[in-house]
N, C-alpha and C. Protein backbone atom coordinates (compact mmCIF):
# COMPACT_ATOMS: atom_id res chain seq x y z
N UNK A 1 10.89 15.94 6.46
CA UNK A 1 9.90 15.09 5.86
C UNK A 1 8.88 14.72 6.94
N UNK A 2 7.60 14.84 6.60
CA UNK A 2 6.51 14.50 7.51
C UNK A 2 5.78 13.27 7.01
N UNK A 3 5.66 12.28 7.89
CA UNK A 3 5.00 11.03 7.54
C UNK A 3 3.97 10.71 8.61
N UNK A 4 2.78 10.34 8.18
CA UNK A 4 1.73 9.96 9.13
C UNK A 4 1.70 8.44 9.24
N UNK A 5 1.36 7.96 10.42
CA UNK A 5 1.36 6.53 10.67
C UNK A 5 0.19 6.18 11.57
N UNK A 6 -0.56 5.18 11.16
CA UNK A 6 -1.58 4.64 12.04
C UNK A 6 -3.01 4.89 11.61
N UNK A 7 -3.76 3.81 11.50
CA UNK A 7 -5.19 3.90 11.28
C UNK A 7 -5.64 4.26 9.88
N UNK A 8 -4.77 4.22 8.91
CA UNK A 8 -5.16 4.53 7.54
C UNK A 8 -5.66 3.24 6.89
N UNK A 9 -6.95 3.24 6.54
CA UNK A 9 -7.57 2.03 6.05
C UNK A 9 -8.15 2.14 4.64
N UNK A 10 -7.99 3.29 4.01
CA UNK A 10 -8.56 3.45 2.67
C UNK A 10 -7.69 4.39 1.84
N UNK A 11 -7.87 4.27 0.54
CA UNK A 11 -7.17 5.17 -0.39
C UNK A 11 -7.65 6.60 -0.17
N UNK A 12 -8.93 6.77 0.10
CA UNK A 12 -9.47 8.11 0.31
C UNK A 12 -8.81 8.78 1.52
N UNK A 13 -8.65 8.04 2.61
CA UNK A 13 -7.97 8.58 3.79
C UNK A 13 -6.54 8.95 3.44
N UNK A 14 -5.87 8.07 2.70
CA UNK A 14 -4.49 8.31 2.34
C UNK A 14 -4.36 9.58 1.50
N UNK A 15 -5.23 9.73 0.51
CA UNK A 15 -5.18 10.92 -0.35
C UNK A 15 -5.39 12.20 0.45
N UNK A 16 -6.31 12.17 1.42
CA UNK A 16 -6.54 13.35 2.26
C UNK A 16 -5.29 13.70 3.05
N UNK A 17 -4.67 12.69 3.66
CA UNK A 17 -3.46 12.92 4.46
C UNK A 17 -2.32 13.43 3.58
N UNK A 18 -2.20 12.89 2.39
CA UNK A 18 -1.08 13.26 1.52
C UNK A 18 -1.17 14.70 1.01
N UNK A 19 -2.27 15.36 1.25
CA UNK A 19 -2.36 16.79 0.94
C UNK A 19 -1.54 17.61 1.93
N UNK A 20 -1.25 17.00 3.10
CA UNK A 20 -0.59 17.74 4.18
C UNK A 20 0.74 17.14 4.63
N UNK A 21 1.02 15.90 4.24
CA UNK A 21 2.26 15.24 4.65
C UNK A 21 2.95 14.64 3.42
N UNK A 22 4.20 14.22 3.61
CA UNK A 22 4.99 13.67 2.51
C UNK A 22 4.76 12.18 2.30
N UNK A 23 4.28 11.48 3.32
CA UNK A 23 4.09 10.04 3.20
C UNK A 23 3.08 9.53 4.20
N UNK A 24 2.58 8.32 3.92
CA UNK A 24 1.60 7.69 4.80
C UNK A 24 1.95 6.22 4.95
N UNK A 25 2.05 5.76 6.18
CA UNK A 25 2.34 4.34 6.44
C UNK A 25 1.04 3.57 6.55
N UNK A 26 1.04 2.38 5.98
CA UNK A 26 -0.19 1.57 5.96
C UNK A 26 0.08 0.14 6.42
N UNK A 27 0.84 -0.01 7.45
CA UNK A 27 1.28 -1.32 7.92
C UNK A 27 0.19 -2.34 8.14
N UNK A 28 -0.72 -2.10 9.09
CA UNK A 28 -1.75 -3.10 9.42
C UNK A 28 -2.66 -3.38 8.23
N UNK A 29 -3.06 -2.35 7.53
CA UNK A 29 -3.94 -2.55 6.38
C UNK A 29 -3.24 -3.40 5.32
N UNK A 30 -1.95 -3.20 5.14
CA UNK A 30 -1.20 -3.96 4.13
C UNK A 30 -1.04 -5.42 4.52
N UNK A 31 -0.77 -5.71 5.79
CA UNK A 31 -0.59 -7.13 6.12
C UNK A 31 -1.91 -7.85 6.32
N UNK A 32 -2.96 -7.13 6.68
CA UNK A 32 -4.27 -7.77 6.80
C UNK A 32 -4.92 -7.98 5.43
N UNK A 33 -4.66 -7.05 4.52
CA UNK A 33 -5.27 -7.07 3.19
C UNK A 33 -4.22 -6.73 2.13
N UNK A 34 -3.36 -7.68 1.77
CA UNK A 34 -2.27 -7.39 0.83
C UNK A 34 -2.74 -6.79 -0.49
N UNK A 35 -3.96 -7.10 -0.90
CA UNK A 35 -4.48 -6.55 -2.15
C UNK A 35 -4.60 -5.02 -2.08
N UNK A 36 -4.61 -4.47 -0.89
CA UNK A 36 -4.65 -3.02 -0.72
C UNK A 36 -3.45 -2.36 -1.38
N UNK A 37 -2.32 -3.06 -1.37
CA UNK A 37 -1.12 -2.51 -1.98
C UNK A 37 -1.30 -2.31 -3.49
N UNK A 38 -2.10 -3.15 -4.13
CA UNK A 38 -2.40 -2.95 -5.55
C UNK A 38 -3.13 -1.63 -5.75
N UNK A 39 -4.09 -1.37 -4.88
CA UNK A 39 -4.85 -0.12 -4.98
C UNK A 39 -3.93 1.08 -4.78
N UNK A 40 -2.99 0.96 -3.84
CA UNK A 40 -2.04 2.05 -3.61
C UNK A 40 -1.20 2.28 -4.87
N UNK A 41 -0.69 1.20 -5.44
CA UNK A 41 0.12 1.33 -6.66
C UNK A 41 -0.67 1.98 -7.78
N UNK A 42 -1.93 1.59 -7.93
CA UNK A 42 -2.76 2.13 -9.00
C UNK A 42 -3.17 3.58 -8.74
N UNK A 43 -3.67 3.86 -7.55
CA UNK A 43 -4.26 5.16 -7.24
C UNK A 43 -3.23 6.23 -6.86
N UNK A 44 -2.22 5.84 -6.10
CA UNK A 44 -1.26 6.83 -5.60
C UNK A 44 -0.08 6.97 -6.56
N UNK A 45 0.46 5.83 -7.01
CA UNK A 45 1.65 5.85 -7.86
C UNK A 45 1.34 5.74 -9.35
N UNK A 46 0.05 5.57 -9.68
CA UNK A 46 -0.40 5.47 -11.08
C UNK A 46 0.33 4.38 -11.85
N UNK A 47 0.56 3.26 -11.19
CA UNK A 47 1.27 2.13 -11.79
C UNK A 47 0.33 1.30 -12.65
N UNK A 48 0.69 1.13 -13.89
CA UNK A 48 -0.10 0.26 -14.77
C UNK A 48 0.28 -1.20 -14.56
N UNK A 49 1.48 -1.46 -14.01
CA UNK A 49 1.90 -2.84 -13.73
C UNK A 49 0.98 -3.49 -12.71
N UNK A 50 0.47 -2.71 -11.78
CA UNK A 50 -0.39 -3.24 -10.72
C UNK A 50 -1.65 -3.86 -11.28
N UNK A 51 -2.14 -3.36 -12.40
CA UNK A 51 -3.36 -3.89 -12.99
C UNK A 51 -3.16 -5.30 -13.53
N UNK A 52 -1.93 -5.66 -13.85
CA UNK A 52 -1.63 -6.96 -14.43
C UNK A 52 -1.05 -7.94 -13.42
N UNK A 53 -1.11 -7.61 -12.15
CA UNK A 53 -0.55 -8.46 -11.10
C UNK A 53 -1.67 -9.24 -10.43
N UNK A 54 -1.47 -10.55 -10.32
CA UNK A 54 -2.50 -11.39 -9.69
C UNK A 54 -2.31 -11.40 -8.17
N UNK A 55 -3.36 -11.78 -7.47
CA UNK A 55 -3.28 -11.87 -6.01
C UNK A 55 -2.25 -12.90 -5.59
N UNK A 56 -2.13 -13.99 -6.33
CA UNK A 56 -1.11 -15.01 -6.01
C UNK A 56 0.29 -14.42 -6.10
N UNK A 57 0.54 -13.59 -7.10
CA UNK A 57 1.86 -12.95 -7.23
C UNK A 57 2.12 -12.02 -6.05
N UNK A 58 1.10 -11.29 -5.66
CA UNK A 58 1.26 -10.36 -4.53
C UNK A 58 1.60 -11.12 -3.26
N UNK A 59 0.86 -12.16 -2.99
CA UNK A 59 1.08 -12.94 -1.76
C UNK A 59 2.46 -13.59 -1.79
N UNK A 60 2.87 -14.10 -2.94
CA UNK A 60 4.18 -14.71 -3.06
C UNK A 60 5.30 -13.69 -2.81
N UNK A 61 5.18 -12.52 -3.42
CA UNK A 61 6.19 -11.47 -3.22
C UNK A 61 6.19 -10.99 -1.78
N UNK A 62 5.01 -10.87 -1.18
CA UNK A 62 4.91 -10.44 0.21
C UNK A 62 5.54 -11.45 1.14
N UNK A 63 5.30 -12.74 0.88
CA UNK A 63 5.90 -13.79 1.71
C UNK A 63 7.43 -13.74 1.59
N UNK A 64 7.95 -13.54 0.39
CA UNK A 64 9.40 -13.42 0.20
C UNK A 64 9.94 -12.24 1.01
N UNK A 65 9.22 -11.12 0.97
CA UNK A 65 9.63 -9.93 1.71
C UNK A 65 9.67 -10.22 3.22
N UNK A 66 8.62 -10.85 3.73
CA UNK A 66 8.53 -11.14 5.17
C UNK A 66 9.67 -12.05 5.60
N UNK A 67 10.02 -13.01 4.78
CA UNK A 67 11.13 -13.92 5.11
C UNK A 67 12.46 -13.17 5.20
N UNK A 68 12.63 -12.13 4.40
CA UNK A 68 13.89 -11.37 4.39
C UNK A 68 14.04 -10.46 5.61
N UNK A 69 12.92 -10.03 6.19
CA UNK A 69 13.04 -9.06 7.29
C UNK A 69 13.06 -9.69 8.64
């Protein structure tokens, strides 16, 4: 499995990389801009649930995740 890590700041960059690798890590972009994860869910995973998720829900779930790790 090939995964790229580092400097991915847009869905367009991610899509280009995913033509050649199995996965893309988006650590800094995700913690600096949690709403980016909604775009990933919508654009990469085609999740319709992401369209109905509020920013408050995202931040709350992210905070719960951070507390667990």
